Amino acid sequence: MNPISPEIINQVSLNRSRMTEGKRVDDDHRDNADLAALEKVCKDFEAIFIHTLLKTMRKSLPKAEGSGWSRDMYTSIGDLELARSIAHGRGIGLGEVLFEQLKDKVQNPGFDG
């Protein structure tokens, strides 16, 4: 069994002190990452909502000539991309409202306000 050298003990102590000093910075970084993830989820939810609106509106239109499975599939894919583009651009405001409602829960997990 090899004895632990004093240099290793000093290095571990130094790393612990750096970790404690940097903990607040790490917490801030984690909070920013959590908020960015929340914002993305809110925009993705908005995209799903917009896609559902587009799909429902498209059902109300009369069937075009030559419509079939492949045309319906490509139309649905086009609607999905349009919905994502709208939501991740300016959006319709749903993502922003969700983000504002949920960001306090991410920043303060015990906060019930």
PDB file of N, CA and C in Angstrom:
ATOM      1  N   MET A   1       0.851  -1.184   0.000  1.00  0.00           N
ATOM      2  CA  MET A   1       0.000   0.000   0.000  1.00  0.00           C
ATOM      3  C   MET A   1       0.889   1.238   0.000  1.00  0.00           C
ATOM      4  N   ASN A   2       0.617   2.136  -0.913  1.00  0.00           N
ATOM      5  CA  ASN A   2       1.415   3.363  -1.030  1.00  0.00           C
ATOM      6  C   ASN A   2       0.879   4.438  -0.104  1.00  0.00           C
ATOM      7  N   PRO A   3       1.768   5.102   0.603  1.00  0.00           N
ATOM      8  CA  PRO A   3       1.299   6.196   1.459  1.00  0.00           C
ATOM      9  C   PRO A   3       0.861   7.378   0.595  1.00  0.00           C
ATOM     10  N   ILE A   4      -0.088   8.146   1.106  1.00  0.00           N
ATOM     11  CA  ILE A   4      -0.567   9.335   0.388  1.00  0.00           C
ATOM     12  C   ILE A   4       0.416  10.463   0.647  1.00  0.00           C
ATOM     13  N   SER A   5       0.893  11.036  -0.420  1.00  0.00           N
ATOM     14  CA  SER A   5       1.889  12.097  -0.265  1.00  0.00           C
ATOM     15  C   SER A   5       1.230  13.395   0.182  1.00  0.00           C
ATOM     16  N   PRO A   6       1.976  14.242   0.883  1.00  0.00           N
ATOM     17  CA  PRO A   6       1.426  15.531   1.322  1.00  0.00           C
ATOM     18  C   PRO A   6       1.019  16.408   0.145  1.00  0.00           C
ATOM     19  N   GLU A   7       1.678  16.236  -1.001  1.00  0.00           N
ATOM     20  CA  GLU A   7       1.315  17.048  -2.176  1.00  0.00           C
ATOM     21  C   GLU A   7      -0.096  16.728  -2.652  1.00  0.00           C
ATOM     22  N   ILE A   8      -0.458  15.444  -2.608  1.00  0.00           N
ATOM     23  CA  ILE A   8      -1.804  15.048  -3.023  1.00  0.00           C
ATOM     24  C   ILE A   8      -2.835  15.627  -2.057  1.00  0.00           C
ATOM     25  N   ILE A   9      -2.533  15.567  -0.755  1.00  0.00           N
ATOM     26  CA  ILE A   9      -3.446  16.118   0.248  1.00  0.00           C
ATOM     27  C   ILE A   9      -3.616  17.625   0.033  1.00  0.00           C
ATOM     28  N   ASN A  10      -2.519  18.333  -0.234  1.00  0.00           N
ATOM     29  CA  ASN A  10      -2.604  19.777  -0.496  1.00  0.00           C
ATOM     30  C   ASN A  10      -3.420  20.059  -1.748  1.00  0.00           C
ATOM     31  N   GLN A  11      -3.235  19.237  -2.784  1.00  0.00           N
ATOM     32  CA  GLN A  11      -3.975  19.432  -4.039  1.00  0.00           C
ATOM     33  C   GLN A  11      -5.470  19.232  -3.820  1.00  0.00           C
ATOM     34  N   VAL A  12      -5.832  18.198  -3.049  1.00  0.00           N
ATOM     35  CA  VAL A  12      -7.244  17.947  -2.744  1.00  0.00           C
ATOM     36  C   VAL A  12      -7.831  19.111  -1.957  1.00  0.00           C
ATOM     37  N   SER A  13      -7.088  19.621  -0.975  1.00  0.00           N
ATOM     38  CA  SER A  13      -7.565  20.763  -0.180  1.00  0.00           C
ATOM     39  C   SER A  13      -7.739  21.996  -1.056  1.00  0.00           C
ATOM     40  N   LEU A  14      -6.786  22.226  -1.946  1.00  0.00           N
ATOM     41  CA  LEU A  14      -6.867  23.375  -2.845  1.00  0.00           C
ATOM     42  C   LEU A  14      -8.070  23.242  -3.766  1.00  0.00           C
ATOM     43  N   ASN A  15      -8.297  22.048  -4.300  1.00  0.00           N
ATOM     44  CA  ASN A  15      -9.449  21.828  -5.175  1.00  0.00           C
ATOM     45  C   ASN A  15     -10.759  22.029  -4.440  1.00  0.00           C
ATOM     46  N   ARG A  16     -10.826  21.594  -3.174  1.00  0.00           N
ATOM     47  CA  ARG A  16     -12.043  21.792  -2.380  1.00  0.00           C
ATOM     48  C   ARG A  16     -12.324  23.273  -2.171  1.00  0.00           C
ATOM     49  N   SER A  17     -11.266  24.048  -1.863  1.00  0.00           N
ATOM     50  CA  SER A  17     -11.482  25.475  -1.639  1.00  0.00           C
ATOM     51  C   SER A  17     -11.901  26.160  -2.933  1.00  0.00           C
ATOM     52  N   ARG A  18     -11.326  25.743  -4.055  1.00  0.00           N
ATOM     53  CA  ARG A  18     -11.743  26.312  -5.347  1.00  0.00           C
ATOM     54  C   ARG A  18     -13.184  25.960  -5.654  1.00  0.00           C
ATOM     55  N   MET A  19     -13.576  24.727  -5.321  1.00  0.00           N
ATOM     56  CA  MET A  19     -14.955  24.308  -5.576  1.00  0.00           C
ATOM     57  C   MET A  19     -15.924  25.144  -4.757  1.00  0.00           C
ATOM     58  N   THR A  20     -15.571  25.442  -3.499  1.00  0.00           N
ATOM     59  CA  THR A  20     -16.478  26.234  -2.666  1.00  0.00           C
ATOM     60  C   THR A  20     -16.567  27.666  -3.164  1.00  0.00           C
ATOM     61  N   GLU A  21     -15.431  28.221  -3.612  1.00  0.00           N
ATOM     62  CA  GLU A  21     -15.450  29.581  -4.156  1.00  0.00           C
ATOM     63  C   GLU A  21     -16.245  29.632  -5.447  1.00  0.00           C
ATOM     64  N   GLY A  22     -16.095  28.616  -6.275  1.00  0.00           N
ATOM     65  CA  GLY A  22     -16.761  28.600  -7.572  1.00  0.00           C
ATOM     66  C   GLY A  22     -18.174  28.075  -7.529  1.00  0.00           C
ATOM     67  N   LYS A  23     -18.633  27.640  -6.342  1.00  0.00           N
ATOM     68  CA  LYS A  23     -19.966  27.048  -6.252  1.00  0.00           C
ATOM     69  C   LYS A  23     -21.050  28.022  -6.672  1.00  0.00           C
ATOM     70  N   ARG A  24     -20.947  29.254  -6.232  1.00  0.00           N
ATOM     71  CA  ARG A  24     -21.957  30.253  -6.601  1.00  0.00           C
ATOM     72  C   ARG A  24     -21.952  30.470  -8.107  1.00  0.00           C
ATOM     73  N   VAL A  25     -20.772  30.540  -8.699  1.00  0.00           N
ATOM     74  CA  VAL A  25     -20.681  30.704 -10.148  1.00  0.00           C
ATOM     75  C   VAL A  25     -21.289  29.498 -10.848  1.00  0.00           C
ATOM     76  N   ASP A  26     -21.004  28.282 -10.337  1.00  0.00           N
ATOM     77  CA  ASP A  26     -21.580  27.074 -10.918  1.00  0.00           C
ATOM     78  C   ASP A  26     -23.097  27.074 -10.776  1.00  0.00           C
ATOM     79  N   ASP A  27     -23.604  27.518  -9.609  1.00  0.00           N
ATOM     80  CA  ASP A  27     -25.048  27.584  -9.408  1.00  0.00           C
ATOM     81  C   ASP A  27     -25.690  28.557 -10.390  1.00  0.00           C
ATOM     82  N   ASP A  28     -25.048  29.717 -10.605  1.00  0.00           N
ATOM     83  CA  ASP A  28     -25.573  30.689 -11.564  1.00  0.00           C
ATOM     84  C   ASP A  28     -25.576  30.103 -12.968  1.00  0.00           C
ATOM     85  N   HIS A  29     -24.502  29.398 -13.310  1.00  0.00           N
ATOM     86  CA  HIS A  29     -24.414  28.774 -14.635  1.00  0.00           C
ATOM     87  C   HIS A  29     -25.506  27.718 -14.798  1.00  0.00           C
ATOM     88  N   ARG A  30     -25.728  26.922 -13.735  1.00  0.00           N
ATOM     89  CA  ARG A  30     -26.768  25.893 -13.784  1.00  0.00           C
ATOM     90  C   ARG A  30     -28.145  26.540 -13.917  1.00  0.00           C
ATOM     91  N   ASP A  31     -28.377  27.649 -13.180  1.00  0.00           N
ATOM     92  CA  ASP A  31     -29.659  28.346 -13.276  1.00  0.00           C
ATOM     93  C   ASP A  31     -29.889  28.863 -14.693  1.00  0.00           C
ATOM     94  N   ASN A  32     -28.844  29.432 -15.298  1.00  0.00           N
ATOM     95  CA  ASN A  32     -28.968  29.923 -16.676  1.00  0.00           C
ATOM     96  C   ASN A  32     -29.253  28.787 -17.631  1.00  0.00           C
ATOM     97  N   ALA A  33     -28.597  27.657 -17.438  1.00  0.00           N
ATOM     98  CA  ALA A  33     -28.837  26.494 -18.297  1.00  0.00           C
ATOM     99  C   ALA A  33     -30.262  25.980 -18.101  1.00  0.00           C
ATOM    100  N   ASP A  34     -30.733  25.964 -16.851  1.00  0.00           N
ATOM    101  CA  ASP A  34     -32.101  25.527 -16.573  1.00  0.00           C
ATOM    102  C   ASP A  34     -33.120  26.456 -17.227  1.00  0.00           C
ATOM    103  N   LEU A  35     -32.868  27.766 -17.151  1.00  0.00           N
ATOM    104  CA  LEU A  35     -33.786  28.727 -17.777  1.00  0.00           C
ATOM    105  C   LEU A  35     -33.781  28.590 -19.297  1.00  0.00           C
ATOM    106  N   ALA A  36     -32.608  28.353 -19.874  1.00  0.00           N
ATOM    107  CA  ALA A  36     -32.527  28.159 -21.327  1.00  0.00           C
ATOM    108  C   ALA A  36     -33.287  26.904 -21.736  1.00  0.00           C
ATOM    109  N   ALA A  37     -33.154  25.846 -20.943  1.00  0.00           N
ATOM    110  CA  ALA A  37     -33.881  24.603 -21.234  1.00  0.00           C
ATOM    111  C   ALA A  37     -35.387  24.820 -21.098  1.00  0.00           C
ATOM    112  N   LEU A  38     -35.795  25.560 -20.071  1.00  0.00           N
ATOM    113  CA  LEU A  38     -37.216  25.853 -19.880  1.00  0.00           C
ATOM    114  C   LEU A  38     -37.754  26.659 -21.049  1.00  0.00           C
ATOM    115  N   GLU A  39     -36.988  27.647 -21.507  1.00  0.00           N
ATOM    116  CA  GLU A  39     -37.431  28.461 -22.637  1.00  0.00           C
ATOM    117  C   GLU A  39     -37.609  27.607 -23.888  1.00  0.00           C
ATOM    118  N   LYS A  40     -36.691  26.682 -24.124  1.00  0.00           N
ATOM    119  CA  LYS A  40     -36.797  25.799 -25.290  1.00  0.00           C
ATOM    120  C   LYS A  40     -38.035  24.911 -25.187  1.00  0.00           C
ATOM    121  N   VAL A  41     -38.282  24.358 -23.999  1.00  0.00           N
ATOM    122  CA  VAL A  41     -39.454  23.503 -23.804  1.00  0.00           C
ATOM    123  C   VAL A  41     -40.743  24.297 -24.028  1.00  0.00           C
ATOM    124  N   CYS A  42     -40.782  25.527 -23.542  1.00  0.00           N
ATOM    125  CA  CYS A  42     -41.971  26.367 -23.733  1.00  0.00           C
ATOM    126  C   CYS A  42     -42.198  26.662 -25.209  1.00  0.00           C
ATOM    127  N   LYS A  43     -41.134  26.946 -25.941  1.00  0.00           N
ATOM    128  CA  LYS A  43     -41.263  27.201 -27.378  1.00  0.00           C
ATOM    129  C   LYS A  43     -41.664  25.930 -28.121  1.00  0.00           C
ATOM    130  N   ASP A  44     -41.134  24.787 -27.708  1.00  0.00           N
ATOM    131  CA  ASP A  44     -41.519  23.517 -28.326  1.00  0.00           C
ATOM    132  C   ASP A  44     -42.997  23.216 -28.077  1.00  0.00           C
ATOM    133  N   PHE A  45     -43.470  23.511 -26.864  1.00  0.00           N
ATOM    134  CA  PHE A  45     -44.894  23.327 -26.563  1.00  0.00           C
ATOM    135  C   PHE A  45     -45.742  24.233 -27.449  1.00  0.00           C
ATOM    136  N   GLU A  46     -45.300  25.471 -27.608  1.00  0.00           N
ATOM    137  CA  GLU A  46     -46.014  26.406 -28.482  1.00  0.00           C
ATOM    138  C   GLU A  46     -46.045  25.875 -29.911  1.00  0.00           C
ATOM    139  N   ALA A  47     -44.948  25.276 -30.366  1.00  0.00           N
ATOM    140  CA  ALA A  47     -44.898  24.706 -31.718  1.00  0.00           C
ATOM    141  C   ALA A  47     -45.912  23.575 -31.867  1.00  0.00           C
ATOM    142  N   ILE A  48     -46.030  22.736 -30.842  1.00  0.00           N
ATOM    143  CA  ILE A  48     -47.020  21.651 -30.883  1.00  0.00           C
ATOM    144  C   ILE A  48     -48.429  22.227 -30.947  1.00  0.00           C
ATOM    145  N   PHE A  49     -48.674  23.257 -30.170  1.00  0.00           N
ATOM    146  CA  PHE A  49     -49.993  23.901 -30.165  1.00  0.00           C
ATOM    147  C   PHE A  49     -50.307  24.504 -31.541  1.00  0.00           C
ATOM    148  N   ILE A  50     -49.340  25.198 -32.120  1.00  0.00           N
ATOM    149  CA  ILE A  50     -49.544  25.811 -33.450  1.00  0.00           C
ATOM    150  C   ILE A  50     -49.757  24.727 -34.499  1.00  0.00           C
ATOM    151  N   HIS A  51     -48.999  23.633 -34.405  1.00  0.00           N
ATOM    152  CA  HIS A  51     -49.175  22.540 -35.358  1.00  0.00           C
ATOM    153  C   HIS A  51     -50.586  21.962 -35.274  1.00  0.00           C
ATOM    154  N   THR A  52     -51.092  21.819 -34.056  1.00  0.00           N
ATOM    155  CA  THR A  52     -52.463  21.326 -33.873  1.00  0.00           C
ATOM    156  C   THR A  52     -53.470  22.290 -34.496  1.00  0.00           C
ATOM    157  N   LEU A  53     -53.231  23.588 -34.331  1.00  0.00           N
ATOM    158  CA  LEU A  53     -54.116  24.582 -34.964  1.00  0.00           C
ATOM    159  C   LEU A  53     -54.089  24.462 -36.486  1.00  0.00           C
ATOM    160  N   LEU A  54     -52.878  24.359 -37.034  1.00  0.00           N
ATOM    161  CA  LEU A  54     -52.750  24.246 -38.490  1.00  0.00           C
ATOM    162  C   LEU A  54     -53.417  22.979 -39.010  1.00  0.00           C
ATOM    163  N   LYS A  55     -53.226  21.870 -38.299  1.00  0.00           N
ATOM    164  CA  LYS A  55     -53.816  20.601 -38.712  1.00  0.00           C
ATOM    165  C   LYS A  55     -55.342  20.680 -38.685  1.00  0.00           C
ATOM    166  N   THR A  56     -55.871  21.299 -37.643  1.00  0.00           N
ATOM    167  CA  THR A  56     -57.320  21.444 -37.521  1.00  0.00           C
ATOM    168  C   THR A  56     -57.876  22.371 -38.603  1.00  0.00           C
ATOM    169  N   MET A  57     -57.156  23.463 -38.860  1.00  0.00           N
ATOM    170  CA  MET A  57     -57.613  24.380 -39.915  1.00  0.00           C
ATOM    171  C   MET A  57     -57.575  23.700 -41.285  1.00  0.00           C
ATOM    172  N   ARG A  58     -56.538  22.884 -41.521  1.00  0.00           N
ATOM    173  CA  ARG A  58     -56.422  22.202 -42.801  1.00  0.00           C
ATOM    174  C   ARG A  58     -57.557  21.208 -43.015  1.00  0.00           C
ATOM    175  N   LYS A  59     -58.051  20.582 -41.931  1.00  0.00           N
ATOM    176  CA  LYS A  59     -59.174  19.643 -42.046  1.00  0.00           C
ATOM    177  C   LYS A  59     -60.456  20.341 -42.495  1.00  0.00           C
ATOM    178  N   SER A  60     -60.550  21.641 -42.204  1.00  0.00           N
ATOM    179  CA  SER A  60     -61.768  22.376 -42.566  1.00  0.00           C
ATOM    180  C   SER A  60     -61.806  22.743 -44.050  1.00  0.00           C
ATOM    181  N   LEU A  61     -60.671  22.617 -44.739  1.00  0.00           N
ATOM    182  CA  LEU A  61     -60.620  22.927 -46.173  1.00  0.00           C
ATOM    183  C   LEU A  61     -61.132  21.751 -46.991  1.00  0.00           C
ATOM    184  N   PRO A  62     -61.731  22.060 -48.136  1.00  0.00           N
ATOM    185  CA  PRO A  62     -62.162  20.947 -48.996  1.00  0.00           C
ATOM    186  C   PRO A  62     -60.939  20.204 -49.543  1.00  0.00           C
ATOM    187  N   LYS A  63     -61.110  18.903 -49.773  1.00  0.00           N
ATOM    188  CA  LYS A  63     -60.017  18.084 -50.296  1.00  0.00           C
ATOM    189  C   LYS A  63     -59.675  18.527 -51.715  1.00  0.00           C
ATOM    190  N   ALA A  64     -58.382  18.701 -51.960  1.00  0.00           N
ATOM    191  CA  ALA A  64     -57.907  19.088 -53.287  1.00  0.00           C
ATOM    192  C   ALA A  64     -57.791  17.849 -54.169  1.00  0.00           C
ATOM    193  N   GLU A  65     -57.810  18.081 -55.465  1.00  0.00           N
ATOM    194  CA  GLU A  65     -57.630  16.957 -56.390  1.00  0.00           C
ATOM    195  C   GLU A  65     -56.235  16.387 -56.219  1.00  0.00           C
ATOM    196  N   GLY A  66     -56.128  15.097 -56.384  1.00  0.00           N
ATOM    197  CA  GLY A  66     -54.826  14.459 -56.286  1.00  0.00           C
ATOM    198  C   GLY A  66     -54.343  14.284 -54.866  1.00  0.00           C
ATOM    199  N   SER A  67     -55.243  14.500 -53.898  1.00  0.00           N
ATOM    200  CA  SER A  67     -54.805  14.322 -52.521  1.00  0.00           C
ATOM    201  C   SER A  67     -54.744  12.832 -52.208  1.00  0.00           C
ATOM    202  N   GLY A  68     -53.789  12.495 -51.423  1.00  0.00           N
ATOM    203  CA  GLY A  68     -53.602  11.106 -51.029  1.00  0.00           C
ATOM    204  C   GLY A  68     -52.693  11.046 -49.828  1.00  0.00           C
ATOM    205  N   TRP A  69     -52.277   9.838 -49.521  1.00  0.00           N
ATOM    206  CA  TRP A  69     -51.466   9.626 -48.337  1.00  0.00           C
ATOM    207  C   TRP A  69     -50.160  10.412 -48.393  1.00  0.00           C
ATOM    208  N   SER A  70     -49.459  10.353 -49.526  1.00  0.00           N
ATOM    209  CA  SER A  70     -48.152  11.037 -49.614  1.00  0.00           C
ATOM    210  C   SER A  70     -48.312  12.554 -49.547  1.00  0.00           C
ATOM    211  N   ARG A  71     -49.330  13.072 -50.199  1.00  0.00           N
ATOM    212  CA  ARG A  71     -49.550  14.515 -50.148  1.00  0.00           C
ATOM    213  C   ARG A  71     -49.903  14.957 -48.730  1.00  0.00           C
ATOM    214  N   ASP A  72     -50.746  14.173 -48.069  1.00  0.00           N
ATOM    215  CA  ASP A  72     -51.115  14.489 -46.687  1.00  0.00           C
ATOM    216  C   ASP A  72     -49.897  14.455 -45.770  1.00  0.00           C
ATOM    217  N   MET A  73     -48.998  13.484 -46.003  1.00  0.00           N
ATOM    218  CA  MET A  73     -47.803  13.372 -45.178  1.00  0.00           C
ATOM    219  C   MET A  73     -46.909  14.598 -45.377  1.00  0.00           C
ATOM    220  N   TYR A  74     -46.664  14.977 -46.615  1.00  0.00           N
ATOM    221  CA  TYR A  74     -45.808  16.131 -46.872  1.00  0.00           C
ATOM    222  C   TYR A  74     -46.448  17.427 -46.372  1.00  0.00           C
ATOM    223  N   THR A  75     -47.744  17.532 -46.476  1.00  0.00           N
ATOM    224  CA  THR A  75     -48.443  18.703 -45.951  1.00  0.00           C
ATOM    225  C   THR A  75     -48.288  18.773 -44.431  1.00  0.00           C
ATOM    226  N   SER A  76     -48.420  17.623 -43.771  1.00  0.00           N
ATOM    227  CA  SER A  76     -48.267  17.583 -42.319  1.00  0.00           C
ATOM    228  C   SER A  76     -46.841  17.950 -41.900  1.00  0.00           C
ATOM    229  N   ILE A  77     -45.852  17.444 -42.629  1.00  0.00           N
ATOM    230  CA  ILE A  77     -44.460  17.785 -42.335  1.00  0.00           C
ATOM    231  C   ILE A  77     -44.229  19.280 -42.547  1.00  0.00           C
ATOM    232  N   GLY A  78     -44.797  19.815 -43.624  1.00  0.00           N
ATOM    233  CA  GLY A  78     -44.686  21.257 -43.882  1.00  0.00           C
ATOM    234  C   GLY A  78     -45.324  22.079 -42.785  1.00  0.00           C
ATOM    235  N   ASP A  79     -46.493  21.629 -42.319  1.00  0.00           N
ATOM    236  CA  ASP A  79     -47.171  22.331 -41.225  1.00  0.00           C
ATOM    237  C   ASP A  79     -46.348  22.271 -39.939  1.00  0.00           C
ATOM    238  N   LEU A  80     -45.717  21.129 -39.681  1.00  0.00           N
ATOM    239  CA  LEU A  80     -44.894  20.993 -38.487  1.00  0.00           C
ATOM    240  C   LEU A  80     -43.702  21.948 -38.536  1.00  0.00           C
ATOM    241  N   GLU A  81     -43.045  22.030 -39.672  1.00  0.00           N
ATOM    242  CA  GLU A  81     -41.905  22.943 -39.809  1.00  0.00           C
ATOM    243  C   GLU A  81     -42.349  24.400 -39.736  1.00  0.00           C
ATOM    244  N   LEU A  82     -43.495  24.699 -40.305  1.00  0.00           N
ATOM    245  CA  LEU A  82     -44.039  26.058 -40.207  1.00  0.00           C
ATOM    246  C   LEU A  82     -44.331  26.406 -38.746  1.00  0.00           C
ATOM    247  N   ALA A  83     -44.921  25.462 -38.025  1.00  0.00           N
ATOM    248  CA  ALA A  83     -45.226  25.682 -36.609  1.00  0.00           C
ATOM    249  C   ALA A  83     -43.947  25.910 -35.808  1.00  0.00           C
ATOM    250  N   ARG A  84     -42.912  25.102 -36.064  1.00  0.00           N
ATOM    251  CA  ARG A  84     -41.635  25.291 -35.355  1.00  0.00           C
ATOM    252  C   ARG A  84     -41.030  26.650 -35.678  1.00  0.00           C
ATOM    253  N   SER A  85     -41.096  27.019 -36.939  1.00  0.00           N
ATOM    254  CA  SER A  85     -40.540  28.302 -37.354  1.00  0.00           C
ATOM    255  C   SER A  85     -41.266  29.468 -36.675  1.00  0.00           C
ATOM    256  N   ILE A  86     -42.567  29.385 -36.611  1.00  0.00           N
ATOM    257  CA  ILE A  86     -43.355  30.434 -35.954  1.00  0.00           C
ATOM    258  C   ILE A  86     -43.025  30.489 -34.464  1.00  0.00           C
ATOM    259  N   ALA A  87     -43.041  29.328 -33.803  1.00  0.00           N
ATOM    260  CA  ALA A  87     -42.839  29.277 -32.352  1.00  0.00           C
ATOM    261  C   ALA A  87     -41.434  29.718 -31.953  1.00  0.00           C
ATOM    262  N   HIS A  88     -40.423  29.329 -32.710  1.00  0.00           N
ATOM    263  CA  HIS A  88     -39.053  29.683 -32.346  1.00  0.00           C
ATOM    264  C   HIS A  88     -38.661  31.060 -32.891  1.00  0.00           C
ATOM    265  N   GLY A  89     -39.557  31.680 -33.634  1.00  0.00           N
ATOM    266  CA  GLY A  89     -39.365  33.066 -34.047  1.00  0.00           C
ATOM    267  C   GLY A  89     -40.072  33.962 -33.031  1.00  0.00           C
ATOM    268  N   ARG A  90     -40.975  34.780 -33.519  1.00  0.00           N
ATOM    269  CA  ARG A  90     -41.720  35.655 -32.601  1.00  0.00           C
ATOM    270  C   ARG A  90     -42.808  34.903 -31.863  1.00  0.00           C
ATOM    271  N   GLY A  91     -43.338  33.863 -32.474  1.00  0.00           N
ATOM    272  CA  GLY A  91     -44.367  33.063 -31.826  1.00  0.00           C
ATOM    273  C   GLY A  91     -45.701  33.771 -31.747  1.00  0.00           C
ATOM    274  N   ILE A  92     -46.620  33.153 -31.021  1.00  0.00           N
ATOM    275  CA  ILE A  92     -47.945  33.752 -30.819  1.00  0.00           C
ATOM    276  C   ILE A  92     -48.114  34.213 -29.371  1.00  0.00           C
ATOM    277  N   GLY A  93     -47.068  34.060 -28.567  1.00  0.00           N
ATOM    278  CA  GLY A  93     -47.092  34.547 -27.192  1.00  0.00           C
ATOM    279  C   GLY A  93     -47.309  33.463 -26.148  1.00  0.00           C
ATOM    280  N   LEU A  94     -47.725  32.287 -26.560  1.00  0.00           N
ATOM    281  CA  LEU A  94     -47.999  31.217 -25.602  1.00  0.00           C
ATOM    282  C   LEU A  94     -46.723  30.771 -24.893  1.00  0.00           C
ATOM    283  N   GLY A  95     -45.643  30.607 -25.639  1.00  0.00           N
ATOM    284  CA  GLY A  95     -44.374  30.195 -25.048  1.00  0.00           C
ATOM    285  C   GLY A  95     -43.867  31.200 -24.030  1.00  0.00           C
ATOM    286  N   GLU A  96     -44.012  32.477 -24.349  1.00  0.00           N
ATOM    287  CA  GLU A  96     -43.568  33.531 -23.421  1.00  0.00           C
ATOM    288  C   GLU A  96     -44.372  33.502 -22.125  1.00  0.00           C
ATOM    289  N   VAL A  97     -45.675  33.337 -22.253  1.00  0.00           N
ATOM    290  CA  VAL A  97     -46.533  33.292 -21.065  1.00  0.00           C
ATOM    291  C   VAL A  97     -46.175  32.094 -20.193  1.00  0.00           C
ATOM    292  N   LEU A  98     -45.993  30.929 -20.809  1.00  0.00           N
ATOM    293  CA  LEU A  98     -45.595  29.737 -20.055  1.00  0.00           C
ATOM    294  C   LEU A  98     -44.255  29.947 -19.361  1.00  0.00           C
ATOM    295  N   PHE A  99     -43.291  30.517 -20.091  1.00  0.00           N
ATOM    296  CA  PHE A  99     -41.971  30.757 -19.523  1.00  0.00           C
ATOM    297  C   PHE A  99     -42.062  31.676 -18.311  1.00  0.00           C
ATOM    298  N   GLU A 100     -42.805  32.762 -18.424  1.00  0.00           N
ATOM    299  CA  GLU A 100     -42.946  33.709 -17.314  1.00  0.00           C
ATOM    300  C   GLU A 100     -43.612  33.044 -16.108  1.00  0.00           C
ATOM    301  N   GLN A 101     -44.580  32.149 -16.373  1.00  0.00           N
ATOM    302  CA  GLN A 101     -45.275  31.475 -15.283  1.00  0.00           C
ATOM    303  C   GLN A 101     -44.390  30.446 -14.576  1.00  0.00           C
ATOM    304  N   LEU A 102     -43.461  29.835 -15.326  1.00  0.00           N
ATOM    305  CA  LEU A 102     -42.680  28.725 -14.777  1.00  0.00           C
ATOM    306  C   LEU A 102     -41.268  29.079 -14.336  1.00  0.00           C
ATOM    307  N   LYS A 103     -40.737  30.227 -14.749  1.00  0.00           N
ATOM    308  CA  LYS A 103     -39.333  30.525 -14.450  1.00  0.00           C
ATOM    309  C   LYS A 103     -39.055  30.674 -12.956  1.00  0.00           C
ATOM    310  N   ASP A 104     -40.013  31.171 -12.186  1.00  0.00           N
ATOM    311  CA  ASP A 104     -39.813  31.273 -10.738  1.00  0.00           C
ATOM    312  C   ASP A 104     -39.701  29.892 -10.103  1.00  0.00           C
ATOM    313  N   LYS A 105     -40.419  28.929 -10.643  1.00  0.00           N
ATOM    314  CA  LYS A 105     -40.348  27.553 -10.113  1.00  0.00           C
ATOM    315  C   LYS A 105     -38.972  26.950 -10.377  1.00  0.00           C
ATOM    316  N   VAL A 106     -38.346  27.308 -11.493  1.00  0.00           N
ATOM    317  CA  VAL A 106     -37.018  26.788 -11.823  1.00  0.00           C
ATOM    318  C   VAL A 106     -35.967  27.480 -10.968  1.00  0.00           C
ATOM    319  N   GLN A 107     -36.088  28.788 -10.800  1.00  0.00           N
ATOM    320  CA  GLN A 107     -35.107  29.534 -10.024  1.00  0.00           C
ATOM    321  C   GLN A 107     -35.211  29.269  -8.529  1.00  0.00           C
ATOM    322  N   ASN A 108     -36.431  29.094  -8.055  1.00  0.00           N
ATOM    323  CA  ASN A 108     -36.672  28.852  -6.620  1.00  0.00           C
ATOM    324  C   ASN A 108     -37.576  27.624  -6.485  1.00  0.00           C
ATOM    325  N   PRO A 109     -37.009  26.404  -6.497  1.00  0.00           N
ATOM    326  CA  PRO A 109     -37.834  25.203  -6.495  1.00  0.00           C
ATOM    327  C   PRO A 109     -38.820  25.098  -5.327  1.00  0.00           C
ATOM    328  N   GLY A 110     -38.512  25.671  -4.174  1.00  0.00           N
ATOM    329  CA  GLY A 110     -39.420  25.615  -3.027  1.00  0.00           C
ATOM    330  C   GLY A 110     -40.441  26.725  -3.029  1.00  0.00           C
ATOM    331  N   PHE A 111     -40.335  27.653  -3.994  1.00  0.00           N
ATOM    332  CA  PHE A 111     -41.202  28.837  -4.058  1.00  0.00           C
ATOM    333  C   PHE A 111     -42.563  28.441  -4.625  1.00  0.00           C
ATOM    334  N   ASP A 112     -43.642  28.807  -3.939  1.00  0.00           N
ATOM    335  CA  ASP A 112     -44.981  28.458  -4.388  1.00  0.00           C
ATOM    336  C   ASP A 112     -45.726  29.633  -4.983  1.00  0.00           C
ATOM    337  N   GLY A 113     -45.058  30.764  -5.221  1.00  0.00           N
ATOM    338  CA  GLY A 113     -45.710  31.982  -5.682  1.00  0.00           C
ATOM    339  C   GLY A 113     -46.092  32.039  -7.063  1.00  0.00           C
TER     340      GLY A 113
END
